[in-house]
N, C-alpha and C. Protein backbone atom coordinates (compact mmCIF):
# COMPACT_ATOMS: atom_id res chain seq x y z
N MET A 1 -27.80 -31.03 -4.79
CA MET A 1 -27.42 -30.47 -3.04
C MET A 1 -26.06 -30.89 -3.02
N ARG A 2 -25.81 -32.27 -3.45
CA ARG A 2 -24.07 -32.49 -3.12
C ARG A 2 -23.40 -31.58 -4.27
N GLU A 3 -23.68 -31.14 -4.80
CA GLU A 3 -22.98 -30.43 -5.83
C GLU A 3 -22.97 -28.87 -5.02
N ILE A 4 -23.61 -28.46 -4.62
CA ILE A 4 -23.48 -27.19 -4.03
C ILE A 4 -22.44 -27.14 -2.70
N VAL A 5 -22.39 -28.30 -2.09
CA VAL A 5 -21.84 -28.95 -0.86
C VAL A 5 -20.12 -28.81 -1.46
N SER A 6 -20.06 -29.43 -2.49
CA SER A 6 -18.30 -29.91 -3.36
C SER A 6 -17.99 -28.71 -4.01
N GLU A 7 -18.63 -27.24 -4.89
CA GLU A 7 -18.53 -26.48 -4.88
C GLU A 7 -17.72 -25.25 -3.59
N VAL A 8 -18.91 -25.38 -3.13
CA VAL A 8 -18.18 -24.31 -1.69
C VAL A 8 -17.00 -25.18 -0.91
N SER A 9 -16.51 -26.57 -0.87
CA SER A 9 -15.23 -27.08 0.04
C SER A 9 -14.43 -26.98 -1.01
N ALA A 10 -14.69 -27.01 -2.58
CA ALA A 10 -13.33 -26.11 -3.14
C ALA A 10 -13.14 -25.45 -3.15
N ALA A 11 -13.97 -23.88 -3.37
CA ALA A 11 -13.70 -22.68 -2.87
C ALA A 11 -13.15 -22.65 -1.85
N GLU A 12 -13.25 -22.91 -0.68
CA GLU A 12 -12.51 -23.14 0.95
C GLU A 12 -11.53 -23.54 0.55
N GLU A 13 -11.39 -24.86 -0.03
CA GLU A 13 -9.83 -25.66 -0.02
C GLU A 13 -8.84 -24.69 -0.93
N PHE A 14 -9.61 -23.89 -2.32
CA PHE A 14 -8.63 -23.27 -2.62
C PHE A 14 -8.58 -21.89 -2.88
N GLY A 15 -9.24 -21.58 -1.89
CA GLY A 15 -9.55 -19.89 -1.76
C GLY A 15 -8.28 -19.18 -1.01
N TRP A 16 -6.69 -19.91 -0.31
CA TRP A 16 -6.41 -19.65 -0.08
C TRP A 16 -5.01 -19.59 -1.20
N LEU A 17 -5.46 -20.44 -2.28
CA LEU A 17 -4.51 -19.88 -3.82
C LEU A 17 -4.88 -18.90 -4.04
N LEU A 18 -6.16 -18.16 -4.29
CA LEU A 18 -6.38 -17.28 -5.16
C LEU A 18 -6.11 -15.91 -4.12
N LYS A 19 -6.41 -15.94 -2.47
CA LYS A 19 -5.27 -14.92 -1.93
C LYS A 19 -4.07 -14.74 -2.23
N LEU A 20 -3.14 -16.12 -2.36
CA LEU A 20 -1.59 -16.12 -2.91
C LEU A 20 -1.54 -15.09 -4.35
N ALA A 21 -1.96 -15.59 -5.16
CA ALA A 21 -2.09 -14.93 -6.49
C ALA A 21 -2.42 -13.84 -6.17
N GLY A 22 -3.39 -12.90 -5.30
CA GLY A 22 -3.67 -11.29 -5.72
C GLY A 22 -2.83 -10.69 -4.78
N ALA A 23 -2.56 -11.86 -3.63
CA ALA A 23 -1.17 -10.81 -2.70
C ALA A 23 0.63 -10.90 -4.05
N LEU A 24 0.53 -11.74 -4.63
CA LEU A 24 1.45 -11.80 -5.51
C LEU A 24 1.42 -10.40 -6.59
N PHE A 25 -0.09 -10.38 -7.24
CA PHE A 25 -0.03 -9.71 -7.94
C PHE A 25 0.65 -8.04 -7.48
N PHE A 26 -0.48 -7.65 -6.30
CA PHE A 26 -0.41 -6.51 -5.75
C PHE A 26 1.43 -6.74 -5.39
N VAL A 27 2.32 -7.49 -4.99
CA VAL A 27 3.34 -7.33 -5.23
C VAL A 27 4.03 -6.67 -6.57
N ALA A 28 3.75 -7.53 -7.42
CA ALA A 28 3.83 -7.06 -8.86
C ALA A 28 3.48 -5.41 -9.14
N ALA A 29 2.42 -5.22 -8.57
CA ALA A 29 1.95 -3.77 -8.88
C ALA A 29 2.59 -2.43 -8.31
N LEU A 30 3.10 -3.03 -6.61
CA LEU A 30 4.04 -2.06 -6.08
C LEU A 30 5.03 -1.59 -6.46
N ALA A 31 6.11 -2.78 -7.14
CA ALA A 31 7.65 -3.14 -7.57
C ALA A 31 7.08 -1.83 -8.63
N PHE A 32 6.00 -2.20 -9.69
CA PHE A 32 5.90 -1.07 -10.83
C PHE A 32 5.53 0.08 -10.44
N SER A 33 5.02 0.00 -9.65
CA SER A 33 4.57 1.43 -9.08
C SER A 33 5.77 2.55 -8.80
N ALA A 34 6.59 1.71 -7.95
CA ALA A 34 8.20 2.45 -8.04
C ALA A 34 8.81 2.82 -8.51
N THR A 35 8.72 2.53 -9.96
CA THR A 35 9.29 2.86 -11.14
C THR A 35 8.79 3.82 -12.33
N VAL A 36 7.67 4.11 -11.59
CA VAL A 36 7.17 5.67 -12.22
C VAL A 36 7.36 6.43 -10.91
N ARG A 37 7.97 7.20 -11.39
CA ARG A 37 8.54 8.08 -10.21
C ARG A 37 9.51 9.45 -10.80
N ILE A 38 8.50 10.76 -9.89
CA ILE A 38 9.18 12.07 -10.36
C ILE A 38 9.90 12.74 -9.13
N TRP A 39 11.09 13.13 -9.25
CA TRP A 39 11.70 13.31 -8.47
C TRP A 39 11.69 14.62 -8.26
N LEU A 40 11.86 15.84 -6.70
CA LEU A 40 11.11 17.18 -7.09
C LEU A 40 12.75 17.78 -6.51
N PRO A 41 12.90 18.78 -7.41
CA PRO A 41 14.69 19.12 -6.79
C PRO A 41 14.95 19.83 -5.15
N PHE A 42 13.71 19.74 -4.06
CA PHE A 42 13.79 20.71 -2.93
C PHE A 42 12.98 19.22 -2.41
N THR A 43 13.31 18.12 -2.59
CA THR A 43 13.00 16.58 -1.97
C THR A 43 13.48 15.79 -1.87
N PRO A 44 14.14 15.33 -0.90
CA PRO A 44 14.55 13.55 -0.86
C PRO A 44 13.73 12.77 -1.51
N VAL A 45 13.00 12.91 -0.71
CA VAL A 45 11.34 12.03 -1.04
C VAL A 45 10.93 12.08 -2.82
N PRO A 46 10.84 10.88 -3.68
CA PRO A 46 9.88 11.11 -5.01
C PRO A 46 8.42 10.73 -4.77
N ILE A 47 8.13 11.65 -5.87
CA ILE A 47 6.53 10.95 -5.79
C ILE A 47 6.16 9.90 -7.13
N THR A 48 5.55 8.96 -6.26
CA THR A 48 5.63 8.08 -7.40
C THR A 48 3.78 6.83 -7.27
N MET A 49 3.34 5.99 -7.50
CA MET A 49 1.97 5.98 -7.37
C MET A 49 1.96 4.68 -6.19
N GLN A 50 2.57 4.32 -5.52
CA GLN A 50 3.09 3.18 -4.19
C GLN A 50 1.90 3.81 -3.42
N THR A 51 1.45 4.70 -2.79
CA THR A 51 0.08 5.23 -1.84
C THR A 51 -1.20 4.48 -2.46
N LEU A 52 -1.20 5.14 -3.90
CA LEU A 52 -2.54 4.08 -4.33
C LEU A 52 -2.64 2.71 -4.35
N VAL A 53 -1.50 2.08 -4.68
CA VAL A 53 -1.29 0.83 -4.54
C VAL A 53 -1.73 0.12 -3.39
N VAL A 54 -0.98 1.03 -2.22
CA VAL A 54 -0.82 0.43 -0.83
C VAL A 54 -2.22 0.28 -0.57
N MET A 55 -3.29 1.13 -0.81
CA MET A 55 -4.46 1.79 -0.32
C MET A 55 -5.39 0.76 -1.29
N ILE A 56 -5.35 0.45 -2.48
CA ILE A 56 -5.72 -0.75 -3.13
C ILE A 56 -5.77 -2.08 -2.98
N THR A 57 -4.15 -2.33 -2.19
CA THR A 57 -3.72 -3.74 -1.85
C THR A 57 -4.56 -3.99 -0.74
N GLY A 58 -4.61 -3.20 0.71
CA GLY A 58 -5.07 -3.44 1.70
C GLY A 58 -7.05 -3.90 1.45
N ALA A 59 -7.61 -2.90 0.89
CA ALA A 59 -8.47 -3.05 0.70
C ALA A 59 -9.17 -4.12 -0.15
N ALA A 60 -8.83 -4.47 -1.15
CA ALA A 60 -8.62 -5.62 -1.75
C ALA A 60 -8.81 -6.76 -0.93
N LEU A 61 -7.58 -7.04 -0.61
CA LEU A 61 -6.77 -8.25 0.26
C LEU A 61 -7.14 -8.39 1.51
N GLY A 62 -7.72 -7.31 2.73
CA GLY A 62 -8.28 -7.33 3.54
C GLY A 62 -7.15 -6.99 4.75
N VAL A 63 -6.62 -7.73 5.89
CA VAL A 63 -5.43 -6.51 6.41
C VAL A 63 -4.56 -8.05 6.03
N ARG A 64 -4.88 -9.18 6.38
CA ARG A 64 -3.43 -10.39 6.91
C ARG A 64 -2.93 -10.05 5.45
N TRP A 65 -3.21 -10.42 4.32
CA TRP A 65 -3.15 -10.60 3.15
C TRP A 65 -2.52 -9.46 2.27
N GLY A 66 -3.43 -8.56 2.51
CA GLY A 66 -3.08 -7.47 2.64
C GLY A 66 -1.68 -6.89 2.96
N VAL A 67 -1.49 -7.00 4.67
CA VAL A 67 -0.26 -6.60 4.85
C VAL A 67 0.87 -7.74 4.64
N GLY A 68 0.81 -8.77 4.15
CA GLY A 68 1.56 -9.91 3.57
C GLY A 68 2.40 -9.46 2.18
N ALA A 69 1.02 -8.85 1.45
CA ALA A 69 2.04 -8.11 0.01
C ALA A 69 2.81 -7.30 0.06
N VAL A 70 2.77 -6.07 1.60
CA VAL A 70 3.37 -5.33 1.24
C VAL A 70 4.90 -5.60 1.91
N ALA A 71 4.61 -6.37 3.04
CA ALA A 71 5.65 -6.97 3.89
C ALA A 71 7.11 -7.75 2.40
N THR A 72 5.84 -8.33 1.55
CA THR A 72 6.89 -9.20 1.06
C THR A 72 8.06 -8.25 -0.43
N TYR A 73 6.69 -7.14 -0.49
CA TYR A 73 7.48 -6.24 -1.51
C TYR A 73 8.54 -5.45 -0.46
N LEU A 74 8.56 -5.70 0.36
CA LEU A 74 9.28 -5.10 1.37
C LEU A 74 10.69 -5.42 1.50
N ALA A 75 10.18 -6.93 1.79
CA ALA A 75 11.23 -8.00 1.70
C ALA A 75 12.49 -8.37 0.61
N ALA A 76 11.63 -8.51 -0.81
CA ALA A 76 12.88 -8.57 -1.73
C ALA A 76 13.07 -7.25 -1.99
N GLY A 77 12.25 -5.97 -1.72
CA GLY A 77 13.35 -4.86 -2.09
C GLY A 77 14.36 -4.85 -1.05
N ALA A 78 14.38 -5.22 0.24
CA ALA A 78 15.36 -5.31 1.01
C ALA A 78 16.23 -6.35 1.10
N ALA A 79 16.30 -7.31 0.45
CA ALA A 79 17.46 -8.30 -0.21
C ALA A 79 17.43 -7.48 -1.66
N GLY A 80 17.67 -6.82 -1.79
CA GLY A 80 17.99 -5.88 -3.01
C GLY A 80 17.34 -5.88 -4.25
N GLY A 81 16.36 -6.17 -4.13
CA GLY A 81 15.85 -6.30 -5.48
C GLY A 81 15.17 -4.67 -6.01
N PRO A 82 15.19 -4.43 -6.93
CA PRO A 82 15.19 -2.90 -7.51
C PRO A 82 13.77 -2.81 -7.23
N PHE A 83 13.50 -2.82 -6.24
CA PHE A 83 11.72 -2.85 -6.07
C PHE A 83 11.64 -1.34 -5.30
N PHE A 84 12.28 -0.54 -5.01
CA PHE A 84 12.07 0.71 -4.14
C PHE A 84 12.44 1.88 -5.25
N ALA A 85 11.69 2.55 -5.02
CA ALA A 85 12.33 3.76 -6.14
C ALA A 85 13.54 4.59 -5.22
N GLY A 86 13.95 4.82 -6.46
CA GLY A 86 15.39 5.22 -6.21
C GLY A 86 16.64 4.32 -5.71
N CYS A 87 16.76 3.61 -4.39
CA CYS A 87 17.68 2.66 -4.44
C CYS A 87 17.15 1.20 -4.05
N ALA A 88 18.01 0.36 -4.01
CA ALA A 88 17.62 -1.11 -3.71
C ALA A 88 18.70 -1.39 -1.91
N GLY A 89 17.83 -2.31 -1.67
CA GLY A 89 18.89 -2.76 -0.21
C GLY A 89 18.20 -1.41 0.58
N TRP A 90 19.15 -2.28 2.26
CA TRP A 90 18.53 -1.74 3.21
C TRP A 90 18.57 -0.50 3.71
N ALA A 91 19.39 0.40 1.91
CA ALA A 91 19.78 1.67 2.00
C ALA A 91 18.62 2.52 1.66
N ALA A 92 17.71 1.69 1.08
CA ALA A 92 16.43 2.55 0.55
C ALA A 92 15.30 3.20 2.22
N ILE A 93 15.96 1.81 2.92
CA ILE A 93 14.94 1.62 4.40
C ILE A 93 15.77 2.37 5.31
N ALA A 94 16.86 2.71 4.92
CA ALA A 94 17.48 3.78 6.34
C ALA A 94 17.37 5.49 5.77
N GLY A 95 17.05 4.95 4.18
CA GLY A 95 17.40 6.47 3.79
C GLY A 95 16.21 7.37 4.05
N PRO A 96 15.88 8.37 3.68
CA PRO A 96 14.59 9.31 4.10
C PRO A 96 13.45 8.23 3.21
N THR A 97 13.34 7.83 2.50
CA THR A 97 11.77 7.05 1.83
C THR A 97 11.75 6.16 2.91
N GLY A 98 12.76 5.80 3.72
CA GLY A 98 12.54 4.29 4.92
C GLY A 98 11.27 4.81 5.50
N GLY A 99 10.73 5.47 5.71
CA GLY A 99 9.39 6.08 6.78
C GLY A 99 8.37 5.64 5.96
N TYR A 100 8.78 5.97 4.94
CA TYR A 100 7.22 5.81 4.60
C TYR A 100 7.11 4.06 3.45
N LEU A 101 8.43 4.07 3.20
CA LEU A 101 8.44 1.75 2.97
C LEU A 101 8.02 1.51 3.83
N ILE A 102 8.18 1.88 5.42
CA ILE A 102 7.39 0.98 6.70
C ILE A 102 5.89 1.60 7.09
N GLY A 103 6.02 2.92 6.34
CA GLY A 103 4.22 3.00 6.22
C GLY A 103 3.43 2.43 5.78
N PHE A 104 4.19 1.84 5.24
CA PHE A 104 3.04 0.75 3.12
C PHE A 104 2.19 0.21 4.14
N VAL A 105 3.29 -0.72 5.21
CA VAL A 105 2.77 -1.78 6.38
C VAL A 105 1.94 -1.52 7.00
N ALA A 106 1.59 -0.28 7.83
CA ALA A 106 0.80 0.38 8.51
C ALA A 106 -0.73 0.15 7.61
N GLY A 107 -0.19 1.50 6.36
CA GLY A 107 -1.08 1.73 5.35
C GLY A 107 -2.06 0.64 5.26
N ALA A 108 -1.17 -0.30 5.13
CA ALA A 108 -2.26 -1.76 4.09
C ALA A 108 -2.98 -2.14 5.26
N ALA A 109 -2.65 -2.02 6.75
CA ALA A 109 -3.11 -3.49 7.71
C ALA A 109 -4.56 -1.72 7.89
N VAL A 110 -4.03 -0.82 7.46
CA VAL A 110 -5.57 0.16 8.53
C VAL A 110 -6.22 0.36 7.13
N ALA A 111 -5.80 -0.14 5.91
CA ALA A 111 -6.69 -0.10 4.42
C ALA A 111 -7.28 -1.53 4.26
N GLY A 112 -6.54 -2.07 4.48
CA GLY A 112 -7.59 -3.95 4.99
C GLY A 112 -8.58 -3.53 5.90
N LEU A 113 -8.80 -3.02 6.85
CA LEU A 113 -10.10 -2.89 7.96
C LEU A 113 -11.41 -2.51 6.93
N ALA A 114 -10.57 -1.80 5.39
CA ALA A 114 -11.99 -1.87 4.93
C ALA A 114 -12.29 -3.00 3.70
N TYR A 115 -12.01 -3.72 3.96
CA TYR A 115 -12.26 -5.07 3.25
C TYR A 115 -13.70 -5.51 3.73
N ARG A 116 -14.19 -6.03 2.46
CA ARG A 116 -16.10 -6.34 2.64
C ARG A 116 -16.59 -5.13 2.82
N ARG A 117 -16.41 -4.43 3.56
CA ARG A 117 -17.82 -2.77 4.31
C ARG A 117 -17.86 -1.57 3.38
N ALA A 118 -18.89 -1.34 3.89
CA ALA A 118 -19.80 -0.36 3.29
C ALA A 118 -18.85 0.59 2.25
N TRP A 119 -19.27 1.29 1.71
CA TRP A 119 -18.19 2.38 0.39
C TRP A 119 -17.99 3.43 1.29
N PHE A 120 -18.37 4.18 2.43
CA PHE A 120 -18.37 4.93 3.70
C PHE A 120 -17.58 4.44 4.16
N VAL A 121 -17.75 3.00 4.84
CA VAL A 121 -16.41 2.98 5.64
C VAL A 121 -14.67 2.60 4.94
N ARG A 122 -14.99 1.92 3.67
CA ARG A 122 -13.65 1.91 2.64
C ARG A 122 -13.34 3.75 2.67
N ALA A 123 -13.93 4.10 2.26
CA ALA A 123 -13.68 5.65 2.53
C ALA A 123 -12.37 6.14 3.71
N GLY A 124 -13.39 6.23 4.44
CA GLY A 124 -12.86 6.77 5.50
C GLY A 124 -11.27 5.36 6.25
N CYS A 125 -11.20 3.89 6.16
CA CYS A 125 -10.32 2.97 5.69
C CYS A 125 -9.13 4.11 5.62
N LEU A 126 -9.63 4.38 3.75
CA LEU A 126 -8.32 4.72 3.06
C LEU A 126 -7.81 5.76 3.09
N LEU A 127 -8.79 6.70 3.70
CA LEU A 127 -8.00 7.92 4.40
C LEU A 127 -7.23 7.75 5.30
N ALA A 128 -7.18 7.33 6.14
CA ALA A 128 -6.69 6.73 7.50
C ALA A 128 -5.24 6.18 7.21
N SER A 129 -5.46 4.91 6.42
CA SER A 129 -4.44 4.58 5.85
C SER A 129 -3.33 5.66 4.96
N LEU A 130 -3.76 6.31 4.53
CA LEU A 130 -2.99 7.87 4.07
C LEU A 130 -2.50 8.47 5.09
N ALA A 131 -2.64 8.59 5.79
CA ALA A 131 -2.43 9.17 7.77
C ALA A 131 -1.63 8.13 8.42
N ALA A 132 -1.67 7.16 7.86
CA ALA A 132 -0.81 5.69 8.53
C ALA A 132 0.55 6.23 8.06
N ILE A 133 0.51 6.28 6.83
CA ILE A 133 2.18 5.95 5.66
C ILE A 133 2.48 7.41 6.17
N TYR A 134 1.83 8.23 6.27
CA TYR A 134 2.21 9.79 6.22
C TYR A 134 3.06 9.91 7.30
N ALA A 135 2.50 9.23 8.59
CA ALA A 135 2.81 9.73 10.03
C ALA A 135 3.69 9.13 10.32
N CYS A 136 4.23 7.46 9.40
CA CYS A 136 5.84 7.07 9.45
C CYS A 136 6.13 7.77 8.62
N GLY A 137 6.38 8.35 7.78
CA GLY A 137 7.49 8.75 7.08
C GLY A 137 7.55 10.23 7.31
N LEU A 138 7.12 10.86 8.25
CA LEU A 138 7.45 12.16 8.73
C LEU A 138 8.55 11.63 10.04
N PHE A 139 7.65 11.09 10.51
CA PHE A 139 8.67 10.50 11.95
C PHE A 139 9.68 10.07 11.35
N HIS A 140 10.00 9.42 10.62
CA HIS A 140 11.66 9.09 10.25
C HIS A 140 11.98 9.84 9.46
N LEU A 141 11.77 11.18 9.36
CA LEU A 141 12.49 12.16 8.40
C LEU A 141 12.76 13.28 9.46
N ALA A 142 11.57 12.73 10.92
CA ALA A 142 12.08 14.22 11.92
C ALA A 142 12.89 13.57 12.30
N ILE A 143 12.74 12.20 13.33
CA ILE A 143 13.49 11.37 14.30
C ILE A 143 14.84 11.03 13.88
N ILE A 144 15.17 9.75 12.98
CA ILE A 144 16.14 9.23 12.23
C ILE A 144 16.77 10.17 11.20
N TRP A 145 16.75 11.14 10.76
CA TRP A 145 17.24 11.96 9.55
C TRP A 145 16.64 13.20 10.18
N ARG A 146 16.30 13.60 11.47
CA ARG A 146 16.87 14.81 12.24
C ARG A 146 16.70 15.81 11.42
N LEU A 147 15.12 16.44 10.71
CA LEU A 147 15.05 17.25 10.14
C LEU A 147 14.29 18.27 10.78
N GLY A 148 13.61 18.12 12.10
CA GLY A 148 12.83 18.96 12.90
C GLY A 148 11.17 18.46 12.08
N TRP A 149 10.79 19.02 12.65
CA TRP A 149 9.21 18.43 12.48
C TRP A 149 9.11 19.29 11.28
N HIS A 150 8.91 20.73 11.60
CA HIS A 150 8.66 21.81 10.44
C HIS A 150 8.81 21.33 8.82
N GLU A 151 10.37 21.12 9.24
CA GLU A 151 11.40 20.52 7.36
C GLU A 151 10.91 19.63 7.55
N ALA A 152 10.54 18.31 8.38
CA ALA A 152 9.89 17.31 7.60
C ALA A 152 8.67 17.37 7.02
N VAL A 153 8.04 18.08 7.36
CA VAL A 153 6.10 18.79 7.03
C VAL A 153 6.70 19.05 5.48
N ALA A 154 7.55 20.11 5.28
CA ALA A 154 7.99 20.54 4.09
C ALA A 154 8.45 20.12 3.18
N VAL A 155 9.21 19.13 3.40
CA VAL A 155 9.93 18.45 2.74
C VAL A 155 9.10 17.13 1.87
N GLY A 156 8.60 16.63 2.99
CA GLY A 156 7.79 15.39 3.22
C GLY A 156 6.60 15.07 2.84
N PHE A 157 5.68 15.91 3.54
CA PHE A 157 3.97 16.42 3.23
C PHE A 157 3.63 16.88 2.39
N LEU A 158 3.83 18.70 2.31
CA LEU A 158 3.36 19.16 1.70
C LEU A 158 3.52 19.39 -0.07
N PRO A 159 4.53 18.86 -0.60
CA PRO A 159 5.19 18.93 -2.06
C PRO A 159 3.93 18.16 -2.43
N PHE A 160 3.03 16.65 -1.38
CA PHE A 160 2.45 15.40 -2.04
C PHE A 160 1.48 15.52 -1.93
N ILE A 161 0.90 16.06 -0.78
CA ILE A 161 -0.51 15.84 -0.29
C ILE A 161 -1.72 16.02 -1.52
N VAL A 162 -2.02 17.50 -1.88
CA VAL A 162 -2.44 17.31 -3.36
C VAL A 162 -2.35 15.87 -3.79
N GLY A 163 -0.93 15.75 -4.57
CA GLY A 163 -1.53 14.30 -5.95
C GLY A 163 -1.70 12.82 -4.32
N ASP A 164 -1.78 12.79 -3.26
CA ASP A 164 -2.01 11.85 -2.66
C ASP A 164 -3.38 11.59 -2.31
N VAL A 165 -3.76 13.41 -2.01
CA VAL A 165 -6.02 13.57 -1.88
C VAL A 165 -6.44 13.12 -3.19
N ALA A 166 -5.74 12.92 -4.12
CA ALA A 166 -6.21 12.64 -5.79
C ALA A 166 -5.62 10.94 -6.34
N LYS A 167 -5.16 10.76 -5.29
CA LYS A 167 -5.14 9.15 -5.19
C LYS A 167 -5.91 8.31 -4.63
N TYR A 168 -5.98 9.39 -3.18
CA TYR A 168 -7.08 8.25 -2.20
C TYR A 168 -8.45 8.50 -3.09
N PHE A 169 -8.67 9.92 -3.73
CA PHE A 169 -10.03 9.80 -4.69
C PHE A 169 -10.08 8.62 -5.59
N LEU A 170 -8.66 8.41 -6.37
CA LEU A 170 -9.24 7.58 -7.06
C LEU A 170 -9.23 5.96 -6.67
N ALA A 171 -8.66 5.33 -5.46
CA ALA A 171 -8.71 4.59 -4.64
C ALA A 171 -10.32 4.17 -4.45
N THR A 172 -11.04 5.56 -3.54
CA THR A 172 -11.81 5.11 -3.40
C THR A 172 -13.06 5.02 -4.05
N ALA A 173 -12.76 5.70 -5.71
CA ALA A 173 -13.92 5.10 -6.78
C ALA A 173 -13.27 3.58 -7.17
N ALA A 174 -12.11 3.48 -7.25
CA ALA A 174 -12.23 2.38 -8.40
C ALA A 174 -12.61 1.05 -7.51
N LEU A 175 -12.69 1.17 -6.43
CA LEU A 175 -12.34 -0.27 -4.96
C LEU A 175 -14.61 -0.02 -5.45
N GLY A 176 -15.10 1.35 -5.61
CA GLY A 176 -16.62 1.06 -5.66
C GLY A 176 -17.39 0.13 -7.06
N PRO A 177 -16.55 -0.12 -8.27
CA PRO A 177 -16.64 -0.98 -9.24
C PRO A 177 -16.06 -1.67 -9.22
N PHE A 178 -14.96 -2.09 -8.52
CA PHE A 178 -14.06 -3.01 -8.90
C PHE A 178 -14.17 -4.06 -7.88
N ASN A 179 -15.14 -3.38 -7.09
CA ASN A 179 -15.07 -3.90 -5.31
C ASN A 179 -15.87 -5.60 -5.34
N ALA A 180 -16.95 -5.28 -6.41
CA ALA A 180 -17.18 -6.73 -7.14
C ALA A 180 -16.23 -8.06 -7.57
N ALA A 181 -15.86 -7.48 -8.24
CA ALA A 181 -14.53 -7.93 -8.73
C ALA A 181 -13.50 -8.55 -7.44
N PHE A 182 -13.22 -7.21 -7.32
CA PHE A 182 -12.20 -8.46 -5.97
C PHE A 182 -12.85 -9.27 -5.01
N LYS A 183 -13.96 -9.09 -4.89
CA LYS A 183 -14.55 -10.41 -4.04
C LYS A 183 -14.65 -11.32 -4.73
N ARG A 184 -15.13 -11.34 -5.81
CA ARG A 184 -15.14 -12.63 -6.98
C ARG A 184 -13.69 -13.49 -6.98
N LEU A 185 -12.70 -12.35 -7.21
CA LEU A 185 -11.54 -13.14 -7.63
C LEU A 185 -10.70 -13.52 -6.35
N PHE A 186 -10.54 -12.29 -5.46
CA PHE A 186 -9.70 -13.02 -4.12
C PHE A 186 -10.55 -13.84 -2.94
N HIS A 187 -11.83 -13.46 -2.11
CA HIS A 187 -12.74 -13.96 -2.34
C HIS A 187 -13.19 -15.48 -1.88
């Protein structure tokens, strides 16, 4: 009995270290996913794999650690690290992709609600996460960049929705088999 108690105590004591390692892993994954980008000639927003990574980050780490990982990624990029798609520093946050970058925090928070939940709750949270990212991105394009809502949707939503729906299904499918692995690693 004493051995079981010591194992639980060790897991509780060092659990935060595993979460930190997981958060740092996802910060690196977000930075890498920004390097894979496709620029379309009719929109200032590139296609990247970041929305996929944001959804998985939140669902794998939970709200607090998922938001922390995405916020760390944003802070490193805002400080001048070459982590954003296109440009670095505050120019990226003020630029046309800034709303999506800020939306990553909201997306990770919403996806984090899927943490340790049934598959159908995870699926709903990931879809809501994608909606949160788009809402912030479109708001930024329409209000800050003064594109108007129709133009913002035309350049910031329509070219990307098919790919992002595919990323949503990929994230939902990946979290099924990998959910047990994430629980062992990060919980």
